[in-house]
Amino acid sequence: MDNQKVSWIVRFSVDKSWVADGFDIDDERALDILSHALRYANVGTELDAKVLRKPAKALVERLQGYRE
């Protein structure tokens, strides 16, 4: 089992006010969150993050004030 990764599927839920303030998690931000939790792990070789499903782009844009 050398050099294999073990995966978790994680659900992040935040209040819509955080989305309105600019929060919109993507792969890069998810990896940043994970790398802060595992500060000594090597990003790219030991860590990876992938957002599997996001809220609709139109909803995020509406909450952030870009759409009515």
PDB file of N, CA and C in Angstrom:
ATOM      1  N   MET A   1       0.814  -1.193   0.000  1.00  0.00           N
ATOM      2  CA  MET A   1       0.000   0.000   0.000  1.00  0.00           C
ATOM      3  C   MET A   1       0.860   1.260   0.000  1.00  0.00           C
ATOM      4  N   ASP A   2       2.078   1.171  -0.436  1.00  0.00           N
ATOM      5  CA  ASP A   2       2.968   2.332  -0.484  1.00  0.00           C
ATOM      6  C   ASP A   2       2.500   3.360  -1.503  1.00  0.00           C
ATOM      7  N   ASN A   3       2.653   4.635  -1.142  1.00  0.00           N
ATOM      8  CA  ASN A   3       2.339   5.769  -2.009  1.00  0.00           C
ATOM      9  C   ASN A   3       0.889   5.827  -2.475  1.00  0.00           C
ATOM     10  N   GLN A   4      -0.011   5.209  -1.764  1.00  0.00           N
ATOM     11  CA  GLN A   4      -1.422   5.316  -2.099  1.00  0.00           C
ATOM     12  C   GLN A   4      -2.081   6.290  -1.136  1.00  0.00           C
ATOM     13  N   LYS A   5      -3.079   6.966  -1.636  1.00  0.00           N
ATOM     14  CA  LYS A   5      -3.811   7.909  -0.797  1.00  0.00           C
ATOM     15  C   LYS A   5      -5.132   7.296  -0.357  1.00  0.00           C
ATOM     16  N   VAL A   6      -5.587   7.703   0.794  1.00  0.00           N
ATOM     17  CA  VAL A   6      -6.872   7.293   1.339  1.00  0.00           C
ATOM     18  C   VAL A   6      -7.789   8.499   1.229  1.00  0.00           C
ATOM     19  N   SER A   7      -9.021   8.304   0.773  1.00  0.00           N
ATOM     20  CA  SER A   7      -9.922   9.430   0.504  1.00  0.00           C
ATOM     21  C   SER A   7     -11.076   9.519   1.493  1.00  0.00           C
ATOM     22  N   TRP A   8     -11.458  10.752   1.785  1.00  0.00           N
ATOM     23  CA  TRP A   8     -12.662  11.080   2.529  1.00  0.00           C
ATOM     24  C   TRP A   8     -13.503  11.957   1.620  1.00  0.00           C
ATOM     25  N   ILE A   9     -14.794  11.796   1.668  1.00  0.00           N
ATOM     26  CA  ILE A   9     -15.695  12.726   0.999  1.00  0.00           C
ATOM     27  C   ILE A   9     -16.258  13.606   2.095  1.00  0.00           C
ATOM     28  N   VAL A  10     -15.999  14.905   1.989  1.00  0.00           N
ATOM     29  CA  VAL A  10     -16.325  15.842   3.057  1.00  0.00           C
ATOM     30  C   VAL A  10     -17.390  16.816   2.576  1.00  0.00           C
ATOM     31  N   ARG A  11     -18.307  17.129   3.441  1.00  0.00           N
ATOM     32  CA  ARG A  11     -19.344  18.120   3.134  1.00  0.00           C
ATOM     33  C   ARG A  11     -19.072  19.366   3.958  1.00  0.00           C
ATOM     34  N   PHE A  12     -18.931  20.492   3.301  1.00  0.00           N
ATOM     35  CA  PHE A  12     -18.782  21.775   3.963  1.00  0.00           C
ATOM     36  C   PHE A  12     -20.122  22.500   3.861  1.00  0.00           C
ATOM     37  N   SER A  13     -20.661  22.943   4.967  1.00  0.00           N
ATOM     38  CA  SER A  13     -21.885  23.745   4.961  1.00  0.00           C
ATOM     39  C   SER A  13     -21.579  25.062   5.654  1.00  0.00           C
ATOM     40  N   VAL A  14     -21.931  26.149   4.994  1.00  0.00           N
ATOM     41  CA  VAL A  14     -21.710  27.477   5.572  1.00  0.00           C
ATOM     42  C   VAL A  14     -22.987  28.292   5.424  1.00  0.00           C
ATOM     43  N   ASP A  15     -23.188  29.235   6.315  1.00  0.00           N
ATOM     44  CA  ASP A  15     -24.330  30.129   6.238  1.00  0.00           C
ATOM     45  C   ASP A  15     -24.235  30.969   4.971  1.00  0.00           C
ATOM     46  N   LYS A  16     -25.374  31.295   4.377  1.00  0.00           N
ATOM     47  CA  LYS A  16     -25.374  32.050   3.126  1.00  0.00           C
ATOM     48  C   LYS A  16     -24.708  33.414   3.275  1.00  0.00           C
ATOM     49  N   SER A  17     -24.628  33.941   4.487  1.00  0.00           N
ATOM     50  CA  SER A  17     -23.952  35.225   4.684  1.00  0.00           C
ATOM     51  C   SER A  17     -22.464  35.130   4.349  1.00  0.00           C
ATOM     52  N   TRP A  18     -21.857  33.949   4.575  1.00  0.00           N
ATOM     53  CA  TRP A  18     -20.443  33.760   4.227  1.00  0.00           C
ATOM     54  C   TRP A  18     -20.260  33.731   2.715  1.00  0.00           C
ATOM     55  N   VAL A  19     -21.222  33.136   2.012  1.00  0.00           N
ATOM     56  CA  VAL A  19     -21.174  33.141   0.549  1.00  0.00           C
ATOM     57  C   VAL A  19     -21.323  34.574   0.041  1.00  0.00           C
ATOM     58  N   ALA A  20     -22.253  35.307   0.637  1.00  0.00           N
ATOM     59  CA  ALA A  20     -22.447  36.704   0.260  1.00  0.00           C
ATOM     60  C   ALA A  20     -21.168  37.514   0.482  1.00  0.00           C
ATOM     61  N   ASP A  21     -20.390  37.136   1.470  1.00  0.00           N
ATOM     62  CA  ASP A  21     -19.128  37.826   1.765  1.00  0.00           C
ATOM     63  C   ASP A  21     -17.974  37.340   0.896  1.00  0.00           C
ATOM     64  N   GLY A  22     -18.239  36.380  -0.010  1.00  0.00           N
ATOM     65  CA  GLY A  22     -17.188  35.978  -0.949  1.00  0.00           C
ATOM     66  C   GLY A  22     -16.741  34.543  -0.876  1.00  0.00           C
ATOM     67  N   PHE A  23     -17.218  33.765   0.085  1.00  0.00           N
ATOM     68  CA  PHE A  23     -16.781  32.373   0.184  1.00  0.00           C
ATOM     69  C   PHE A  23     -17.367  31.557  -0.958  1.00  0.00           C
ATOM     70  N   ASP A  24     -16.517  30.839  -1.665  1.00  0.00           N
ATOM     71  CA  ASP A  24     -16.921  29.921  -2.730  1.00  0.00           C
ATOM     72  C   ASP A  24     -15.794  28.913  -2.859  1.00  0.00           C
ATOM     73  N   ILE A  25     -15.916  27.785  -2.178  1.00  0.00           N
ATOM     74  CA  ILE A  25     -14.816  26.824  -2.117  1.00  0.00           C
ATOM     75  C   ILE A  25     -14.568  26.182  -3.480  1.00  0.00           C
ATOM     76  N   ASP A  26     -13.306  26.075  -3.820  1.00  0.00           N
ATOM     77  CA  ASP A  26     -12.875  25.383  -5.025  1.00  0.00           C
ATOM     78  C   ASP A  26     -11.753  24.429  -4.625  1.00  0.00           C
ATOM     79  N   ASP A  27     -11.190  23.723  -5.586  1.00  0.00           N
ATOM     80  CA  ASP A  27     -10.149  22.741  -5.268  1.00  0.00           C
ATOM     81  C   ASP A  27      -8.968  23.381  -4.539  1.00  0.00           C
ATOM     82  N   GLU A  28      -8.562  24.558  -4.986  1.00  0.00           N
ATOM     83  CA  GLU A  28      -7.415  25.237  -4.384  1.00  0.00           C
ATOM     84  C   GLU A  28      -7.680  25.611  -2.926  1.00  0.00           C
ATOM     85  N   ARG A  29      -8.854  26.147  -2.660  1.00  0.00           N
ATOM     86  CA  ARG A  29      -9.193  26.537  -1.285  1.00  0.00           C
ATOM     87  C   ARG A  29      -9.344  25.302  -0.395  1.00  0.00           C
ATOM     88  N   ALA A  30      -9.930  24.224  -0.938  1.00  0.00           N
ATOM     89  CA  ALA A  30     -10.059  22.985  -0.167  1.00  0.00           C
ATOM     90  C   ALA A  30      -8.679  22.437   0.185  1.00  0.00           C
ATOM     91  N   LEU A  31      -7.756  22.497  -0.762  1.00  0.00           N
ATOM     92  CA  LEU A  31      -6.389  22.039  -0.495  1.00  0.00           C
ATOM     93  C   LEU A  31      -5.709  22.920   0.543  1.00  0.00           C
ATOM     94  N   ASP A  32      -5.972  24.216   0.490  1.00  0.00           N
ATOM     95  CA  ASP A  32      -5.417  25.136   1.483  1.00  0.00           C
ATOM     96  C   ASP A  32      -5.920  24.798   2.882  1.00  0.00           C
ATOM     97  N   ILE A  33      -7.223  24.509   3.005  1.00  0.00           N
ATOM     98  CA  ILE A  33      -7.801  24.123   4.296  1.00  0.00           C
ATOM     99  C   ILE A  33      -7.138  22.843   4.801  1.00  0.00           C
ATOM    100  N   LEU A  34      -6.994  21.856   3.919  1.00  0.00           N
ATOM    101  CA  LEU A  34      -6.381  20.590   4.304  1.00  0.00           C
ATOM    102  C   LEU A  34      -4.915  20.766   4.681  1.00  0.00           C
ATOM    103  N   SER A  35      -4.190  21.583   3.929  1.00  0.00           N
ATOM    104  CA  SER A  35      -2.766  21.779   4.224  1.00  0.00           C
ATOM    105  C   SER A  35      -2.554  22.515   5.541  1.00  0.00           C
ATOM    106  N   HIS A  36      -3.519  23.335   5.949  1.00  0.00           N
ATOM    107  CA  HIS A  36      -3.422  23.980   7.262  1.00  0.00           C
ATOM    108  C   HIS A  36      -3.688  22.979   8.390  1.00  0.00           C
ATOM    109  N   ALA A  37      -4.520  21.986   8.122  1.00  0.00           N
ATOM    110  CA  ALA A  37      -4.792  20.956   9.133  1.00  0.00           C
ATOM    111  C   ALA A  37      -3.610  19.992   9.271  1.00  0.00           C
ATOM    112  N   LEU A  38      -2.898  19.772   8.174  1.00  0.00           N
ATOM    113  CA  LEU A  38      -1.734  18.869   8.163  1.00  0.00           C
ATOM    114  C   LEU A  38      -0.514  19.676   7.738  1.00  0.00           C
ATOM    115  N   ARG A  39      -0.050  20.522   8.625  1.00  0.00           N
ATOM    116  CA  ARG A  39       0.965  21.525   8.296  1.00  0.00           C
ATOM    117  C   ARG A  39       2.265  20.971   7.746  1.00  0.00           C
ATOM    118  N   TYR A  40       2.630  19.757   8.082  1.00  0.00           N
ATOM    119  CA  TYR A  40       3.925  19.230   7.654  1.00  0.00           C
ATOM    120  C   TYR A  40       3.831  18.295   6.457  1.00  0.00           C
ATOM    121  N   ALA A  41       2.651  18.136   5.915  1.00  0.00           N
ATOM    122  CA  ALA A  41       2.473  17.277   4.743  1.00  0.00           C
ATOM    123  C   ALA A  41       2.878  18.045   3.481  1.00  0.00           C
ATOM    124  N   ASN A  42       3.328  17.313   2.493  1.00  0.00           N
ATOM    125  CA  ASN A  42       3.744  17.909   1.225  1.00  0.00           C
ATOM    126  C   ASN A  42       2.565  18.003   0.267  1.00  0.00           C
ATOM    127  N   VAL A  43       2.209  19.230  -0.093  1.00  0.00           N
ATOM    128  CA  VAL A  43       1.129  19.447  -1.049  1.00  0.00           C
ATOM    129  C   VAL A  43       1.601  18.955  -2.413  1.00  0.00           C
ATOM    130  N   GLY A  44       0.781  18.194  -3.073  1.00  0.00           N
ATOM    131  CA  GLY A  44       1.120  17.673  -4.392  1.00  0.00           C
ATOM    132  C   GLY A  44       1.566  16.225  -4.365  1.00  0.00           C
ATOM    133  N   THR A  45       2.265  15.834  -3.308  1.00  0.00           N
ATOM    134  CA  THR A  45       2.683  14.432  -3.208  1.00  0.00           C
ATOM    135  C   THR A  45       1.935  13.689  -2.109  1.00  0.00           C
ATOM    136  N   GLU A  46       1.631  14.367  -1.019  1.00  0.00           N
ATOM    137  CA  GLU A  46       0.944  13.721   0.095  1.00  0.00           C
ATOM    138  C   GLU A  46      -0.499  14.185   0.262  1.00  0.00           C
ATOM    139  N   LEU A  47      -0.843  15.323  -0.306  1.00  0.00           N
ATOM    140  CA  LEU A  47      -2.187  15.886  -0.156  1.00  0.00           C
ATOM    141  C   LEU A  47      -2.777  16.237  -1.507  1.00  0.00           C
ATOM    142  N   ASP A  48      -4.082  16.132  -1.598  1.00  0.00           N
ATOM    143  CA  ASP A  48      -4.818  16.570  -2.769  1.00  0.00           C
ATOM    144  C   ASP A  48      -6.229  16.898  -2.307  1.00  0.00           C
ATOM    145  N   ALA A  49      -6.917  17.754  -3.017  1.00  0.00           N
ATOM    146  CA  ALA A  49      -8.289  18.095  -2.686  1.00  0.00           C
ATOM    147  C   ALA A  49      -9.055  18.315  -3.980  1.00  0.00           C
ATOM    148  N   LYS A  50     -10.283  17.873  -3.997  1.00  0.00           N
ATOM    149  CA  LYS A  50     -11.144  17.994  -5.177  1.00  0.00           C
ATOM    150  C   LYS A  50     -12.561  18.273  -4.708  1.00  0.00           C
ATOM    151  N   VAL A  51     -13.141  19.358  -5.188  1.00  0.00           N
ATOM    152  CA  VAL A  51     -14.533  19.670  -4.880  1.00  0.00           C
ATOM    153  C   VAL A  51     -15.390  18.847  -5.838  1.00  0.00           C
ATOM    154  N   LEU A  52     -16.201  17.962  -5.292  1.00  0.00           N
ATOM    155  CA  LEU A  52     -17.003  17.060  -6.109  1.00  0.00           C
ATOM    156  C   LEU A  52     -18.329  17.669  -6.542  1.00  0.00           C
ATOM    157  N   ARG A  53     -18.857  18.568  -5.748  1.00  0.00           N
ATOM    158  CA  ARG A  53     -20.143  19.185  -6.067  1.00  0.00           C
ATOM    159  C   ARG A  53     -20.215  20.550  -5.400  1.00  0.00           C
ATOM    160  N   LYS A  54     -20.711  21.526  -6.112  1.00  0.00           N
ATOM    161  CA  LYS A  54     -20.820  22.892  -5.602  1.00  0.00           C
ATOM    162  C   LYS A  54     -22.260  23.376  -5.732  1.00  0.00           C
ATOM    163  N   PRO A  55     -22.632  24.426  -4.995  1.00  0.00           N
ATOM    164  CA  PRO A  55     -23.942  25.035  -5.223  1.00  0.00           C
ATOM    165  C   PRO A  55     -23.972  25.622  -6.642  1.00  0.00           C
ATOM    166  N   ALA A  56     -25.150  25.816  -7.166  1.00  0.00           N
ATOM    167  CA  ALA A  56     -25.281  26.389  -8.505  1.00  0.00           C
ATOM    168  C   ALA A  56     -24.582  27.751  -8.577  1.00  0.00           C
ATOM    169  N   LYS A  57     -23.867  27.973  -9.677  1.00  0.00           N
ATOM    170  CA  LYS A  57     -23.138  29.226  -9.862  1.00  0.00           C
ATOM    171  C   LYS A  57     -24.086  30.419  -9.769  1.00  0.00           C
ATOM    172  N   ALA A  58     -25.303  30.282 -10.313  1.00  0.00           N
ATOM    173  CA  ALA A  58     -26.277  31.376 -10.270  1.00  0.00           C
ATOM    174  C   ALA A  58     -26.651  31.732  -8.827  1.00  0.00           C
ATOM    175  N   LEU A  59     -26.777  30.726  -7.952  1.00  0.00           N
ATOM    176  CA  LEU A  59     -27.088  30.984  -6.546  1.00  0.00           C
ATOM    177  C   LEU A  59     -25.945  31.738  -5.879  1.00  0.00           C
ATOM    178  N   VAL A  60     -24.728  31.290  -6.097  1.00  0.00           N
ATOM    179  CA  VAL A  60     -23.559  31.958  -5.506  1.00  0.00           C
ATOM    180  C   VAL A  60     -23.487  33.406  -5.998  1.00  0.00           C
ATOM    181  N   GLU A  61     -23.662  33.606  -7.297  1.00  0.00           N
ATOM    182  CA  GLU A  61     -23.618  34.961  -7.846  1.00  0.00           C
ATOM    183  C   GLU A  61     -24.732  35.841  -7.284  1.00  0.00           C
ATOM    184  N   ARG A  62     -25.916  35.282  -7.099  1.00  0.00           N
ATOM    185  CA  ARG A  62     -27.030  36.055  -6.526  1.00  0.00           C
ATOM    186  C   ARG A  62     -26.730  36.449  -5.095  1.00  0.00           C
ATOM    187  N   LEU A  63     -26.219  35.505  -4.299  1.00  0.00           N
ATOM    188  CA  LEU A  63     -25.899  35.811  -2.899  1.00  0.00           C
ATOM    189  C   LEU A  63     -24.769  36.827  -2.791  1.00  0.00           C
ATOM    190  N   GLN A  64     -23.875  36.839  -3.771  1.00  0.00           N
ATOM    191  CA  GLN A  64     -22.762  37.789  -3.753  1.00  0.00           C
ATOM    192  C   GLN A  64     -23.116  39.126  -4.397  1.00  0.00           C
ATOM    193  N   GLY A  65     -24.382  39.260  -4.849  1.00  0.00           N
ATOM    194  CA  GLY A  65     -24.858  40.536  -5.370  1.00  0.00           C
ATOM    195  C   GLY A  65     -24.611  40.760  -6.847  1.00  0.00           C
ATOM    196  N   TYR A  66     -24.192  39.731  -7.574  1.00  0.00           N
ATOM    197  CA  TYR A  66     -23.933  39.897  -9.005  1.00  0.00           C
ATOM    198  C   TYR A  66     -25.164  39.672  -9.860  1.00  0.00           C
ATOM    199  N   ARG A  67     -26.204  39.054  -9.310  1.00  0.00           N
ATOM    200  CA  ARG A  67     -27.453  38.810 -10.020  1.00  0.00           C
ATOM    201  C   ARG A  67     -28.614  39.165  -9.100  1.00  0.00           C
ATOM    202  N   GLU A  68     -29.755  39.385  -9.685  1.00  0.00           N
ATOM    203  CA  GLU A  68     -30.951  39.635  -8.870  1.00  0.00           C
ATOM    204  C   GLU A  68     -31.795  38.400  -8.774  1.00  0.00           C
TER     205      GLU A  68
END
